[in-house]
Amino acid sequence: MSAPEECSITRNRSGTEEGKGTGVGLYMARSIVHRNMRGKLSVANVAEGAGFKIVIQGAAA
């Protein structure tokens, strides 16, 4: 998945173009990880569908 596609998926809260969902879940997940946990959520196409990776930095010792 290209960076523009990933950006569009994780920042669009207006809904999905296909499927039964509203499309808000991924936007909300990204918002929580980014704003509350100061982390990063990334999305990639995989053979089985979609893969998600969350990276959260540990606290300084």
C-alpha atoms as a PDB file:
ATOM      1  CA  MET A   1       0.000   0.000   0.000  1.00  0.00           C
ATOM      2  CA  SER A   2       1.367   3.374  -0.931  1.00  0.00           C
ATOM      3  CA  ALA A   3       1.840   6.139   1.628  1.00  0.00           C
ATOM      4  CA  PRO A   4      -0.978   8.262   0.113  1.00  0.00           C
ATOM      5  CA  GLU A   5      -3.388   5.286   0.274  1.00  0.00           C
ATOM      6  CA  GLU A   6      -2.427   4.575   3.889  1.00  0.00           C
ATOM      7  CA  CYS A   7      -2.806   8.227   4.800  1.00  0.00           C
ATOM      8  CA  SER A   8      -6.226   8.365   3.156  1.00  0.00           C
ATOM      9  CA  ILE A   9      -7.485   5.261   4.959  1.00  0.00           C
ATOM     10  CA  THR A  10      -6.322   6.222   8.431  1.00  0.00           C
ATOM     11  CA  ARG A  11      -7.362   9.873   8.220  1.00  0.00           C
ATOM     12  CA  ASN A  12     -10.740   9.551   6.478  1.00  0.00           C
ATOM     13  CA  ARG A  13     -13.635   9.540   8.904  1.00  0.00           C
ATOM     14  CA  SER A  14     -16.390   9.958   6.327  1.00  0.00           C
ATOM     15  CA  GLY A  15     -16.933   6.238   5.739  1.00  0.00           C
ATOM     16  CA  THR A  16     -15.934   3.373   3.498  1.00  0.00           C
ATOM     17  CA  GLU A  17     -16.622   2.863  -0.171  1.00  0.00           C
ATOM     18  CA  GLU A  18     -17.315  -0.841   0.234  1.00  0.00           C
ATOM     19  CA  GLY A  19     -18.361  -3.256   2.934  1.00  0.00           C
ATOM     20  CA  LYS A  20     -20.927  -2.914   5.673  1.00  0.00           C
ATOM     21  CA  GLY A  21     -19.019  -0.755   8.158  1.00  0.00           C
ATOM     22  CA  THR A  22     -19.009   2.979   8.606  1.00  0.00           C
ATOM     23  CA  GLY A  23     -15.229   3.297   8.221  1.00  0.00           C
ATOM     24  CA  VAL A  24     -14.875   5.207  11.476  1.00  0.00           C
ATOM     25  CA  GLY A  25     -13.081   2.437  13.404  1.00  0.00           C
ATOM     26  CA  LEU A  26      -9.701   2.717  11.711  1.00  0.00           C
ATOM     27  CA  TYR A  27      -9.771   6.503  11.953  1.00  0.00           C
ATOM     28  CA  MET A  28     -10.602   6.257  15.675  1.00  0.00           C
ATOM     29  CA  ALA A  29      -7.855   3.674  16.273  1.00  0.00           C
ATOM     30  CA  ARG A  30      -5.286   5.899  14.572  1.00  0.00           C
ATOM     31  CA  SER A  31      -6.452   8.907  16.571  1.00  0.00           C
ATOM     32  CA  ILE A  32      -6.180   7.051  19.892  1.00  0.00           C
ATOM     33  CA  VAL A  33      -2.739   5.611  19.124  1.00  0.00           C
ATOM     34  CA  HIS A  34      -1.378   8.908  17.772  1.00  0.00           C
ATOM     35  CA  ARG A  35      -2.860  11.422  20.218  1.00  0.00           C
ATOM     36  CA  ASN A  36      -3.219   9.472  23.459  1.00  0.00           C
ATOM     37  CA  MET A  37      -0.304   7.040  23.206  1.00  0.00           C
ATOM     38  CA  ARG A  38       2.024   9.117  21.015  1.00  0.00           C
ATOM     39  CA  GLY A  39       2.482   6.130  18.767  1.00  0.00           C
ATOM     40  CA  LYS A  40       2.033   5.255  15.126  1.00  0.00           C
ATOM     41  CA  LEU A  41      -0.506   3.009  13.399  1.00  0.00           C
ATOM     42  CA  SER A  42       0.366   1.685   9.961  1.00  0.00           C
ATOM     43  CA  VAL A  43      -1.670  -0.406   7.541  1.00  0.00           C
ATOM     44  CA  ALA A  44      -0.528  -2.716   4.748  1.00  0.00           C
ATOM     45  CA  ASN A  45      -2.177  -5.054   2.261  1.00  0.00           C
ATOM     46  CA  VAL A  46      -1.348  -8.695   2.978  1.00  0.00           C
ATOM     47  CA  ALA A  47      -2.474 -11.905   1.291  1.00  0.00           C
ATOM     48  CA  GLU A  48      -5.163 -12.520   3.916  1.00  0.00           C
ATOM     49  CA  GLY A  49      -6.588  -8.967   3.810  1.00  0.00           C
ATOM     50  CA  ALA A  50      -5.016  -6.168   5.834  1.00  0.00           C
ATOM     51  CA  GLY A  51      -2.145  -6.020   8.306  1.00  0.00           C
ATOM     52  CA  PHE A  52      -1.894  -3.483  11.103  1.00  0.00           C
ATOM     53  CA  LYS A  53       1.170  -2.406  13.077  1.00  0.00           C
ATOM     54  CA  ILE A  54       1.138  -0.223  16.187  1.00  0.00           C
ATOM     55  CA  VAL A  55       4.410   1.247  17.464  1.00  0.00           C
ATOM     56  CA  ILE A  56       4.451   2.921  20.883  1.00  0.00           C
ATOM     57  CA  GLN A  57       7.654   4.321  22.341  1.00  0.00           C
ATOM     58  CA  GLY A  58       8.529   3.322  25.882  1.00  0.00           C
ATOM     59  CA  ALA A  59       8.858   5.862  28.670  1.00  0.00           C
ATOM     60  CA  ALA A  60      12.307   7.267  29.399  1.00  0.00           C
ATOM     61  CA  ALA A  61      14.002   5.607  32.363  1.00  0.00           C
END
